[in-house]
Amino acid sequence: MAQVLTHMCMSLDGFVAQSDDNPAELFDWYWGGDVMVRSAQENMSFSVDAASAPMLAELTSSCGAILAGRRLFDQGRRLG
C-alpha cells in the first residue's frame, strides 16, 4: 500500500510569499547548506545542513511524486 505524506511551508506571520509574491524565503532551506542530498529524480538535488540531510535523504529516497498547485508550480519555474 502506498503512503501519502503532506507538507506545507508558511511563515509565522501566515504568508506563503513575500510582498513581491516571491516564495523563495520559505524554500531557501532546500538549497542553503553544504551537504548534497539527491532526490529520486535524477536532475533534482538539495543542499541542506548536516543536521537536516539524513531526514531529507530518507524522505526523498522514497518519494514517488510531488504534487503542487498550479500557482506554486509557476512560481517555482520563475525561480528556477
PDB file of N, CA and C in Angstrom:
ATOM      1  N   MET A   1       0.846  -1.170   0.000  1.00  0.00           N
ATOM      2  CA  MET A   1       0.000   0.000   0.000  1.00  0.00           C
ATOM      3  C   MET A   1       0.893   1.234   0.000  1.00  0.00           C
ATOM      4  N   ALA A   2       0.540   2.218  -0.778  1.00  0.00           N
ATOM      5  CA  ALA A   2       1.289   3.467  -0.867  1.00  0.00           C
ATOM      6  C   ALA A   2       1.057   4.318   0.375  1.00  0.00           C
ATOM      7  N   GLN A   3       2.038   5.125   0.682  1.00  0.00           N
ATOM      8  CA  GLN A   3       1.944   6.041   1.810  1.00  0.00           C
ATOM      9  C   GLN A   3       1.897   7.461   1.258  1.00  0.00           C
ATOM     10  N   VAL A   4       1.033   8.291   1.800  1.00  0.00           N
ATOM     11  CA  VAL A   4       0.897   9.673   1.362  1.00  0.00           C
ATOM     12  C   VAL A   4       1.323  10.591   2.511  1.00  0.00           C
ATOM     13  N   LEU A   5       2.258  11.497   2.217  1.00  0.00           N
ATOM     14  CA  LEU A   5       2.706  12.482   3.186  1.00  0.00           C
ATOM     15  C   LEU A   5       2.334  13.864   2.677  1.00  0.00           C
ATOM     16  N   THR A   6       2.042  14.763   3.571  1.00  0.00           N
ATOM     17  CA  THR A   6       1.754  16.141   3.170  1.00  0.00           C
ATOM     18  C   THR A   6       2.765  17.076   3.812  1.00  0.00           C
ATOM     19  N   HIS A   7       2.965  18.206   3.173  1.00  0.00           N
ATOM     20  CA  HIS A   7       3.948  19.176   3.654  1.00  0.00           C
ATOM     21  C   HIS A   7       3.526  20.556   3.164  1.00  0.00           C
ATOM     22  N   MET A   8       3.589  21.530   4.036  1.00  0.00           N
ATOM     23  CA  MET A   8       3.242  22.895   3.660  1.00  0.00           C
ATOM     24  C   MET A   8       4.201  23.840   4.351  1.00  0.00           C
ATOM     25  N   CYS A   9       4.720  24.791   3.617  1.00  0.00           N
ATOM     26  CA  CYS A   9       5.608  25.811   4.188  1.00  0.00           C
ATOM     27  C   CYS A   9       4.845  27.117   4.319  1.00  0.00           C
ATOM     28  N   MET A  10       4.977  27.741   5.479  1.00  0.00           N
ATOM     29  CA  MET A  10       4.345  29.040   5.682  1.00  0.00           C
ATOM     30  C   MET A  10       5.128  29.770   6.762  1.00  0.00           C
ATOM     31  N   SER A  11       5.289  31.050   6.604  1.00  0.00           N
ATOM     32  CA  SER A  11       5.994  31.818   7.616  1.00  0.00           C
ATOM     33  C   SER A  11       5.099  32.012   8.842  1.00  0.00           C
ATOM     34  N   LEU A  12       5.695  32.421   9.939  1.00  0.00           N
ATOM     35  CA  LEU A  12       4.932  32.591  11.175  1.00  0.00           C
ATOM     36  C   LEU A  12       3.863  33.671  11.075  1.00  0.00           C
ATOM     37  N   ASP A  13       4.025  34.613  10.156  1.00  0.00           N
ATOM     38  CA  ASP A  13       3.008  35.648  10.012  1.00  0.00           C
ATOM     39  C   ASP A  13       1.848  35.201   9.118  1.00  0.00           C
ATOM     40  N   GLY A  14       1.892  33.955   8.643  1.00  0.00           N
ATOM     41  CA  GLY A  14       0.775  33.405   7.882  1.00  0.00           C
ATOM     42  C   GLY A  14       0.867  33.583   6.385  1.00  0.00           C
ATOM     43  N   PHE A  15       1.950  34.155   5.898  1.00  0.00           N
ATOM     44  CA  PHE A  15       2.082  34.376   4.465  1.00  0.00           C
ATOM     45  C   PHE A  15       3.007  33.324   3.846  1.00  0.00           C
ATOM     46  N   VAL A  16       2.641  32.854   2.678  1.00  0.00           N
ATOM     47  CA  VAL A  16       3.458  31.885   1.960  1.00  0.00           C
ATOM     48  C   VAL A  16       4.482  32.603   1.090  1.00  0.00           C
ATOM     49  N   ALA A  17       4.165  33.786   0.631  1.00  0.00           N
ATOM     50  CA  ALA A  17       5.073  34.547  -0.234  1.00  0.00           C
ATOM     51  C   ALA A  17       5.370  35.909   0.391  1.00  0.00           C
ATOM     52  N   GLN A  18       6.456  36.502  -0.069  1.00  0.00           N
ATOM     53  CA  GLN A  18       6.799  37.853   0.360  1.00  0.00           C
ATOM     54  C   GLN A  18       5.884  38.857  -0.338  1.00  0.00           C
ATOM     55  N   SER A  19       6.011  40.113  -0.005  1.00  0.00           N
ATOM     56  CA  SER A  19       5.132  41.128  -0.588  1.00  0.00           C
ATOM     57  C   SER A  19       5.280  41.242  -2.104  1.00  0.00           C
ATOM     58  N   ASP A  20       6.431  40.829  -2.649  1.00  0.00           N
ATOM     59  CA  ASP A  20       6.609  40.851  -4.107  1.00  0.00           C
ATOM     60  C   ASP A  20       6.155  39.543  -4.757  1.00  0.00           C
ATOM     61  N   ASP A  21       5.443  38.690  -4.003  1.00  0.00           N
ATOM     62  CA  ASP A  21       4.895  37.418  -4.468  1.00  0.00           C
ATOM     63  C   ASP A  21       5.979  36.364  -4.685  1.00  0.00           C
ATOM     64  N   ASN A  22       7.129  36.525  -4.052  1.00  0.00           N
ATOM     65  CA  ASN A  22       8.236  35.599  -4.191  1.00  0.00           C
ATOM     66  C   ASN A  22       8.241  34.635  -2.997  1.00  0.00           C
ATOM     67  N   PRO A  23       8.089  33.319  -3.220  1.00  0.00           N
ATOM     68  CA  PRO A  23       8.076  32.360  -2.115  1.00  0.00           C
ATOM     69  C   PRO A  23       9.463  31.850  -1.735  1.00  0.00           C
ATOM     70  N   ALA A  24      10.516  32.428  -2.294  1.00  0.00           N
ATOM     71  CA  ALA A  24      11.871  31.887  -2.142  1.00  0.00           C
ATOM     72  C   ALA A  24      12.308  31.733  -0.693  1.00  0.00           C
ATOM     73  N   GLU A  25      11.986  32.674   0.162  1.00  0.00           N
ATOM     74  CA  GLU A  25      12.464  32.614   1.549  1.00  0.00           C
ATOM     75  C   GLU A  25      12.045  31.321   2.236  1.00  0.00           C
ATOM     76  N   LEU A  26      10.861  30.819   1.922  1.00  0.00           N
ATOM     77  CA  LEU A  26      10.386  29.589   2.534  1.00  0.00           C
ATOM     78  C   LEU A  26      11.063  28.354   1.956  1.00  0.00           C
ATOM     79  N   PHE A  27      11.560  28.443   0.741  1.00  0.00           N
ATOM     80  CA  PHE A  27      12.164  27.290   0.083  1.00  0.00           C
ATOM     81  C   PHE A  27      13.688  27.342   0.066  1.00  0.00           C
ATOM     82  N   ASP A  28      14.277  28.447   0.499  1.00  0.00           N
ATOM     83  CA  ASP A  28      15.737  28.564   0.513  1.00  0.00           C
ATOM     84  C   ASP A  28      16.402  27.486   1.351  1.00  0.00           C
ATOM     85  N   TRP A  29      15.692  26.950   2.343  1.00  0.00           N
ATOM     86  CA  TRP A  29      16.238  25.904   3.200  1.00  0.00           C
ATOM     87  C   TRP A  29      16.727  24.713   2.381  1.00  0.00           C
ATOM     88  N   TYR A  30      16.026  24.395   1.297  1.00  0.00           N
ATOM     89  CA  TYR A  30      16.387  23.234   0.486  1.00  0.00           C
ATOM     90  C   TYR A  30      17.737  23.395  -0.210  1.00  0.00           C
ATOM     91  N   TRP A  31      18.234  24.608  -0.331  1.00  0.00           N
ATOM     92  CA  TRP A  31      19.498  24.856  -1.032  1.00  0.00           C
ATOM     93  C   TRP A  31      20.442  25.747  -0.217  1.00  0.00           C
ATOM     94  N   GLY A  32      20.244  25.817   1.095  1.00  0.00           N
ATOM     95  CA  GLY A  32      21.024  26.729   1.918  1.00  0.00           C
ATOM     96  C   GLY A  32      22.179  26.103   2.677  1.00  0.00           C
ATOM     97  N   GLY A  33      22.453  24.821   2.481  1.00  0.00           N
ATOM     98  CA  GLY A  33      23.514  24.172   3.245  1.00  0.00           C
ATOM     99  C   GLY A  33      24.633  23.656   2.367  1.00  0.00           C
ATOM    100  N   ASP A  34      25.517  22.875   2.970  1.00  0.00           N
ATOM    101  CA  ASP A  34      26.658  22.370   2.220  1.00  0.00           C
ATOM    102  C   ASP A  34      26.666  20.851   2.043  1.00  0.00           C
ATOM    103  N   VAL A  35      25.594  20.161   2.455  1.00  0.00           N
ATOM    104  CA  VAL A  35      25.500  18.714   2.287  1.00  0.00           C
ATOM    105  C   VAL A  35      24.501  18.421   1.173  1.00  0.00           C
ATOM    106  N   MET A  36      24.977  17.791   0.101  1.00  0.00           N
ATOM    107  CA  MET A  36      24.092  17.491  -1.029  1.00  0.00           C
ATOM    108  C   MET A  36      23.244  16.256  -0.737  1.00  0.00           C
ATOM    109  N   VAL A  37      21.956  16.367  -1.014  1.00  0.00           N
ATOM    110  CA  VAL A  37      21.016  15.261  -0.880  1.00  0.00           C
ATOM    111  C   VAL A  37      20.362  15.072  -2.240  1.00  0.00           C
ATOM    112  N   ARG A  38      20.550  13.914  -2.823  1.00  0.00           N
ATOM    113  CA  ARG A  38      19.935  13.622  -4.122  1.00  0.00           C
ATOM    114  C   ARG A  38      18.496  13.186  -3.905  1.00  0.00           C
ATOM    115  N   SER A  39      17.656  13.510  -4.848  1.00  0.00           N
ATOM    116  CA  SER A  39      16.269  13.059  -4.779  1.00  0.00           C
ATOM    117  C   SER A  39      16.110  11.838  -5.685  1.00  0.00           C
ATOM    118  N   ALA A  40      14.929  11.271  -5.698  1.00  0.00           N
ATOM    119  CA  ALA A  40      14.661  10.130  -6.569  1.00  0.00           C
ATOM    120  C   ALA A  40      14.692  10.549  -8.038  1.00  0.00           C
ATOM    121  N   GLN A  41      14.525  11.829  -8.300  1.00  0.00           N
ATOM    122  CA  GLN A  41      14.570  12.359  -9.662  1.00  0.00           C
ATOM    123  C   GLN A  41      16.012  12.720  -9.997  1.00  0.00           C
ATOM    124  N   GLU A  42      16.537  12.199 -11.077  1.00  0.00           N
ATOM    125  CA  GLU A  42      17.948  12.356 -11.418  1.00  0.00           C
ATOM    126  C   GLU A  42      18.416  13.807 -11.490  1.00  0.00           C
ATOM    127  N   ASN A  43      17.597  14.693 -12.018  1.00  0.00           N
ATOM    128  CA  ASN A  43      18.037  16.073 -12.234  1.00  0.00           C
ATOM    129  C   ASN A  43      17.666  17.018 -11.093  1.00  0.00           C
ATOM    130  N   MET A  44      17.357  16.478  -9.916  1.00  0.00           N
ATOM    131  CA  MET A  44      16.989  17.334  -8.793  1.00  0.00           C
ATOM    132  C   MET A  44      17.763  16.919  -7.552  1.00  0.00           C
ATOM    133  N   SER A  45      18.435  17.870  -6.935  1.00  0.00           N
ATOM    134  CA  SER A  45      19.127  17.607  -5.680  1.00  0.00           C
ATOM    135  C   SER A  45      18.965  18.815  -4.766  1.00  0.00           C
ATOM    136  N   PHE A  46      19.274  18.610  -3.503  1.00  0.00           N
ATOM    137  CA  PHE A  46      19.145  19.647  -2.498  1.00  0.00           C
ATOM    138  C   PHE A  46      20.488  19.825  -1.808  1.00  0.00           C
ATOM    139  N   SER A  47      20.703  20.950  -1.177  1.00  0.00           N
ATOM    140  CA  SER A  47      21.911  21.216  -0.392  1.00  0.00           C
ATOM    141  C   SER A  47      21.472  21.783   0.943  1.00  0.00           C
ATOM    142  N   VAL A  48      21.461  20.942   1.954  1.00  0.00           N
ATOM    143  CA  VAL A  48      20.990  21.352   3.275  1.00  0.00           C
ATOM    144  C   VAL A  48      22.110  21.205   4.300  1.00  0.00           C
ATOM    145  N   ASP A  49      21.845  21.589   5.538  1.00  0.00           N
ATOM    146  CA  ASP A  49      22.872  21.448   6.573  1.00  0.00           C
ATOM    147  C   ASP A  49      22.975  19.985   7.021  1.00  0.00           C
ATOM    148  N   ALA A  50      24.047  19.677   7.742  1.00  0.00           N
ATOM    149  CA  ALA A  50      24.324  18.296   8.148  1.00  0.00           C
ATOM    150  C   ALA A  50      23.227  17.717   9.040  1.00  0.00           C
ATOM    151  N   ALA A  51      22.601  18.532   9.855  1.00  0.00           N
ATOM    152  CA  ALA A  51      21.539  18.046  10.742  1.00  0.00           C
ATOM    153  C   ALA A  51      20.281  17.670   9.970  1.00  0.00           C
ATOM    154  N   SER A  52      19.996  18.356   8.871  1.00  0.00           N
ATOM    155  CA  SER A  52      18.784  18.112   8.091  1.00  0.00           C
ATOM    156  C   SER A  52      18.958  17.022   7.035  1.00  0.00           C
ATOM    157  N   ALA A  53      20.187  16.775   6.607  1.00  0.00           N
ATOM    158  CA  ALA A  53      20.445  15.875   5.480  1.00  0.00           C
ATOM    159  C   ALA A  53      19.875  14.463   5.661  1.00  0.00           C
ATOM    160  N   PRO A  54      20.077  13.786   6.801  1.00  0.00           N
ATOM    161  CA  PRO A  54      19.533  12.423   6.926  1.00  0.00           C
ATOM    162  C   PRO A  54      18.015  12.370   6.793  1.00  0.00           C
ATOM    163  N   MET A  55      17.322  13.324   7.405  1.00  0.00           N
ATOM    164  CA  MET A  55      15.859  13.345   7.320  1.00  0.00           C
ATOM    165  C   MET A  55      15.395  13.582   5.891  1.00  0.00           C
ATOM    166  N   LEU A  56      16.012  14.540   5.213  1.00  0.00           N
ATOM    167  CA  LEU A  56      15.608  14.843   3.847  1.00  0.00           C
ATOM    168  C   LEU A  56      15.962  13.692   2.906  1.00  0.00           C
ATOM    169  N   ALA A  57      17.107  13.049   3.131  1.00  0.00           N
ATOM    170  CA  ALA A  57      17.505  11.907   2.303  1.00  0.00           C
ATOM    171  C   ALA A  57      16.497  10.771   2.432  1.00  0.00           C
ATOM    172  N   GLU A  58      16.059  10.505   3.642  1.00  0.00           N
ATOM    173  CA  GLU A  58      15.058   9.448   3.854  1.00  0.00           C
ATOM    174  C   GLU A  58      13.742   9.804   3.162  1.00  0.00           C
ATOM    175  N   LEU A  59      13.331  11.040   3.295  1.00  0.00           N
ATOM    176  CA  LEU A  59      12.079  11.483   2.687  1.00  0.00           C
ATOM    177  C   LEU A  59      12.131  11.413   1.166  1.00  0.00           C
ATOM    178  N   THR A  60      13.203  11.922   0.570  1.00  0.00           N
ATOM    179  CA  THR A  60      13.269  11.984  -0.888  1.00  0.00           C
ATOM    180  C   THR A  60      13.578  10.643  -1.537  1.00  0.00           C
ATOM    181  N   SER A  61      14.223   9.732  -0.830  1.00  0.00           N
ATOM    182  CA  SER A  61      14.569   8.450  -1.435  1.00  0.00           C
ATOM    183  C   SER A  61      13.346   7.594  -1.719  1.00  0.00           C
ATOM    184  N   SER A  62      12.281   7.833  -1.013  1.00  0.00           N
ATOM    185  CA  SER A  62      11.078   7.026  -1.218  1.00  0.00           C
ATOM    186  C   SER A  62       9.934   7.823  -1.840  1.00  0.00           C
ATOM    187  N   CYS A  63      10.208   9.034  -2.273  1.00  0.00           N
ATOM    188  CA  CYS A  63       9.163   9.891  -2.839  1.00  0.00           C
ATOM    189  C   CYS A  63       8.923   9.538  -4.298  1.00  0.00           C
ATOM    190  N   GLY A  64       7.722   9.159  -4.625  1.00  0.00           N
ATOM    191  CA  GLY A  64       7.392   8.808  -5.996  1.00  0.00           C
ATOM    192  C   GLY A  64       6.850   9.975  -6.791  1.00  0.00           C
ATOM    193  N   ALA A  65       6.295  10.964  -6.115  1.00  0.00           N
ATOM    194  CA  ALA A  65       5.708  12.110  -6.818  1.00  0.00           C
ATOM    195  C   ALA A  65       5.601  13.282  -5.854  1.00  0.00           C
ATOM    196  N   ILE A  66       5.669  14.474  -6.409  1.00  0.00           N
ATOM    197  CA  ILE A  66       5.431  15.686  -5.643  1.00  0.00           C
ATOM    198  C   ILE A  66       4.262  16.396  -6.306  1.00  0.00           C
ATOM    199  N   LEU A  67       3.248  16.654  -5.544  1.00  0.00           N
ATOM    200  CA  LEU A  67       2.078  17.358  -6.062  1.00  0.00           C
ATOM    201  C   LEU A  67       2.102  18.789  -5.567  1.00  0.00           C
ATOM    202  N   ALA A  68       1.862  19.716  -6.473  1.00  0.00           N
ATOM    203  CA  ALA A  68       1.817  21.131  -6.112  1.00  0.00           C
ATOM    204  C   ALA A  68       0.688  21.785  -6.892  1.00  0.00           C
ATOM    205  N   GLY A  69       0.174  22.851  -6.341  1.00  0.00           N
ATOM    206  CA  GLY A  69      -0.847  23.605  -7.058  1.00  0.00           C
ATOM    207  C   GLY A  69      -0.238  24.338  -8.246  1.00  0.00           C
ATOM    208  N   ARG A  70      -1.059  24.744  -9.169  1.00  0.00           N
ATOM    209  CA  ARG A  70      -0.581  25.410 -10.377  1.00  0.00           C
ATOM    210  C   ARG A  70       0.183  26.689 -10.064  1.00  0.00           C
ATOM    211  N   ARG A  71      -0.281  27.446  -9.110  1.00  0.00           N
ATOM    212  CA  ARG A  71       0.378  28.714  -8.791  1.00  0.00           C
ATOM    213  C   ARG A  71       1.787  28.479  -8.240  1.00  0.00           C
ATOM    214  N   LEU A  72       1.940  27.509  -7.338  1.00  0.00           N
ATOM    215  CA  LEU A  72       3.266  27.201  -6.800  1.00  0.00           C
ATOM    216  C   LEU A  72       4.170  26.649  -7.902  1.00  0.00           C
ATOM    217  N   PHE A  73       3.618  25.841  -8.782  1.00  0.00           N
ATOM    218  CA  PHE A  73       4.386  25.327  -9.913  1.00  0.00           C
ATOM    219  C   PHE A  73       4.921  26.482 -10.762  1.00  0.00           C
ATOM    220  N   ASP A  74       4.072  27.440 -11.077  1.00  0.00           N
ATOM    221  CA  ASP A  74       4.500  28.601 -11.872  1.00  0.00           C
ATOM    222  C   ASP A  74       5.545  29.419 -11.125  1.00  0.00           C
ATOM    223  N   GLN A  75       5.367  29.600  -9.824  1.00  0.00           N
ATOM    224  CA  GLN A  75       6.334  30.344  -9.030  1.00  0.00           C
ATOM    225  C   GLN A  75       7.692  29.632  -9.035  1.00  0.00           C
ATOM    226  N   GLY A  76       7.700  28.340  -8.876  1.00  0.00           N
ATOM    227  CA  GLY A  76       8.938  27.583  -8.890  1.00  0.00           C
ATOM    228  C   GLY A  76       9.661  27.657 -10.216  1.00  0.00           C
ATOM    229  N   ARG A  77       8.916  27.634 -11.286  1.00  0.00           N
ATOM    230  CA  ARG A  77       9.539  27.763 -12.613  1.00  0.00           C
ATOM    231  C   ARG A  77      10.186  29.129 -12.774  1.00  0.00           C
ATOM    232  N   ARG A  78       9.536  30.160 -12.218  1.00  0.00           N
ATOM    233  CA  ARG A  78      10.080  31.507 -12.317  1.00  0.00           C
ATOM    234  C   ARG A  78      11.392  31.609 -11.543  1.00  0.00           C
ATOM    235  N   LEU A  79      11.492  30.924 -10.411  1.00  0.00           N
ATOM    236  CA  LEU A  79      12.697  30.971  -9.593  1.00  0.00           C
ATOM    237  C   LEU A  79      13.804  30.121 -10.180  1.00  0.00           C
ATOM    238  N   GLY A  80      13.457  29.028 -10.848  1.00  0.00           N
ATOM    239  CA  GLY A  80      14.452  28.091 -11.339  1.00  0.00           C
ATOM    240  C   GLY A  80      15.032  28.541 -12.621  1.00  0.00           C
TER     241      GLY A  80
END
